[in-house]
Every structure is written in C-alpha cells, then in structure tokens.
C-alpha cells in the first residue's frame, strides 16, 4: 500500500553539495515516522 503526501517545501543547501527539502511543520510530524526510509520524490518547479 502507498501513502501519498502533497505539499510545498522549501529547498535549502545543507552542507557541501547536499540539498534539503523542508516541508511545512504539520507535514514534518506526519513524515517523522518514516525517518530513515527511502521514499520516492517528485519535484515540480513552476516557472515564474
């Protein structure tokens, strides 16, 4: 079974060349239980 979450996230540089996606706080709590698991991520960048 799959679980799907849809939200806007902020993209930040972490250290070196690593990039981190920061979801909104209410989603951080929902996603916390999946810490350490590999997930599929679809990133859509809308043009300005």
N, C-alpha and C. Protein backbone atom coordinates (compact mmCIF):
# COMPACT_ATOMS: atom_id res chain seq x y z
N UNK A 1 0.83 -1.18 0.00
CA UNK A 1 0.00 0.00 0.00
C UNK A 1 0.88 1.25 0.00
N UNK A 2 0.47 2.25 -0.74
CA UNK A 2 1.22 3.50 -0.82
C UNK A 2 0.51 4.60 -0.06
N UNK A 3 1.28 5.47 0.52
CA UNK A 3 0.76 6.68 1.15
C UNK A 3 1.30 7.87 0.40
N UNK A 4 0.44 8.83 0.05
CA UNK A 4 0.86 9.98 -0.73
C UNK A 4 0.62 11.25 0.08
N UNK A 5 1.63 12.09 0.18
CA UNK A 5 1.52 13.40 0.80
C UNK A 5 1.85 14.44 -0.27
N UNK A 6 1.05 15.48 -0.37
CA UNK A 6 1.29 16.56 -1.33
C UNK A 6 1.42 17.86 -0.54
N UNK A 7 2.54 18.56 -0.72
CA UNK A 7 2.77 19.81 -0.01
C UNK A 7 3.82 20.62 -0.74
N UNK A 8 3.94 21.90 -0.40
CA UNK A 8 5.02 22.73 -0.89
C UNK A 8 6.15 22.66 0.12
N UNK A 9 7.38 22.64 -0.38
CA UNK A 9 8.53 22.56 0.50
C UNK A 9 9.55 23.63 0.12
N UNK A 10 10.35 24.03 1.06
CA UNK A 10 11.45 24.94 0.80
C UNK A 10 12.69 24.13 0.47
N UNK A 11 13.46 24.59 -0.50
CA UNK A 11 14.71 23.92 -0.88
C UNK A 11 15.85 24.72 -0.26
N UNK A 12 16.71 24.05 0.49
CA UNK A 12 17.84 24.71 1.14
C UNK A 12 19.11 23.92 0.91
N UNK A 13 20.23 24.62 0.95
CA UNK A 13 21.53 23.96 0.88
C UNK A 13 21.91 23.58 2.30
N UNK A 14 22.35 22.35 2.48
CA UNK A 14 22.66 21.85 3.80
C UNK A 14 24.14 22.03 4.10
N UNK A 15 24.97 21.20 3.52
CA UNK A 15 26.41 21.33 3.66
C UNK A 15 27.06 20.73 2.43
N UNK A 16 28.14 21.34 2.00
CA UNK A 16 28.77 20.87 0.77
C UNK A 16 27.81 21.02 -0.39
N UNK A 17 27.55 19.93 -1.08
CA UNK A 17 26.65 19.96 -2.23
C UNK A 17 25.30 19.35 -1.93
N UNK A 18 25.00 19.10 -0.67
CA UNK A 18 23.72 18.48 -0.32
C UNK A 18 22.59 19.50 -0.34
N UNK A 19 21.44 19.04 -0.80
CA UNK A 19 20.24 19.86 -0.84
C UNK A 19 19.20 19.21 0.07
N UNK A 20 18.47 20.03 0.81
CA UNK A 20 17.46 19.53 1.75
C UNK A 20 16.12 20.16 1.39
N UNK A 21 15.06 19.35 1.43
CA UNK A 21 13.70 19.85 1.25
C UNK A 21 13.05 19.96 2.62
N UNK A 22 12.51 21.12 2.93
CA UNK A 22 11.84 21.33 4.21
C UNK A 22 10.34 21.45 3.99
N UNK A 23 9.57 20.42 4.39
CA UNK A 23 8.11 20.51 4.29
C UNK A 23 7.55 21.41 5.40
N UNK A 24 6.28 21.83 5.27
CA UNK A 24 5.67 22.62 6.33
C UNK A 24 5.66 21.84 7.66
N UNK A 25 5.58 22.56 8.77
CA UNK A 25 5.68 21.93 10.10
C UNK A 25 4.64 20.84 10.32
N UNK A 26 3.40 21.02 9.85
CA UNK A 26 2.39 19.99 10.09
C UNK A 26 2.72 18.70 9.34
N UNK A 27 3.40 18.80 8.22
CA UNK A 27 3.82 17.60 7.49
C UNK A 27 5.06 16.98 8.10
N UNK A 28 5.90 17.77 8.73
CA UNK A 28 7.10 17.21 9.36
C UNK A 28 6.71 16.17 10.41
N UNK A 29 5.67 16.45 11.17
CA UNK A 29 5.21 15.49 12.18
C UNK A 29 4.69 14.22 11.52
N UNK A 30 3.94 14.34 10.41
CA UNK A 30 3.41 13.17 9.72
C UNK A 30 4.52 12.32 9.12
N UNK A 31 5.58 12.98 8.64
CA UNK A 31 6.67 12.28 7.97
C UNK A 31 7.72 11.72 8.94
N UNK A 32 7.70 12.18 10.18
CA UNK A 32 8.70 11.76 11.17
C UNK A 32 8.75 10.24 11.32
N UNK A 33 7.60 9.58 11.23
CA UNK A 33 7.56 8.12 11.41
C UNK A 33 8.27 7.37 10.29
N UNK A 34 8.59 8.06 9.19
CA UNK A 34 9.28 7.42 8.07
C UNK A 34 10.78 7.73 8.06
N UNK A 35 11.29 8.32 9.12
CA UNK A 35 12.71 8.68 9.19
C UNK A 35 13.59 7.49 8.89
N UNK A 36 14.54 7.67 8.00
CA UNK A 36 15.48 6.61 7.65
C UNK A 36 15.03 5.75 6.48
N UNK A 37 13.76 5.85 6.07
CA UNK A 37 13.27 5.06 4.95
C UNK A 37 13.54 5.78 3.64
N UNK A 38 13.70 5.02 2.58
CA UNK A 38 13.83 5.60 1.25
C UNK A 38 12.43 5.88 0.72
N UNK A 39 12.25 7.05 0.13
CA UNK A 39 10.95 7.46 -0.40
C UNK A 39 11.13 7.95 -1.84
N UNK A 40 10.07 7.92 -2.59
CA UNK A 40 10.07 8.48 -3.94
C UNK A 40 9.66 9.94 -3.84
N UNK A 41 10.34 10.82 -4.56
CA UNK A 41 10.05 12.25 -4.50
C UNK A 41 9.86 12.77 -5.93
N UNK A 42 8.78 13.48 -6.15
CA UNK A 42 8.51 14.13 -7.42
C UNK A 42 8.61 15.62 -7.17
N UNK A 43 9.52 16.30 -7.86
CA UNK A 43 9.72 17.73 -7.66
C UNK A 43 9.24 18.45 -8.92
N UNK A 44 8.34 19.41 -8.75
CA UNK A 44 7.83 20.22 -9.86
C UNK A 44 8.22 21.67 -9.59
N UNK A 45 8.97 22.25 -10.50
CA UNK A 45 9.37 23.66 -10.39
C UNK A 45 8.54 24.46 -11.39
N UNK A 46 7.70 25.34 -10.90
CA UNK A 46 6.88 26.18 -11.77
C UNK A 46 7.69 27.39 -12.18
N UNK A 47 7.56 27.77 -13.43
CA UNK A 47 8.28 28.96 -13.89
C UNK A 47 7.59 30.21 -13.37
N UNK A 48 8.38 31.23 -13.09
CA UNK A 48 7.83 32.48 -12.53
C UNK A 48 7.18 33.32 -13.59
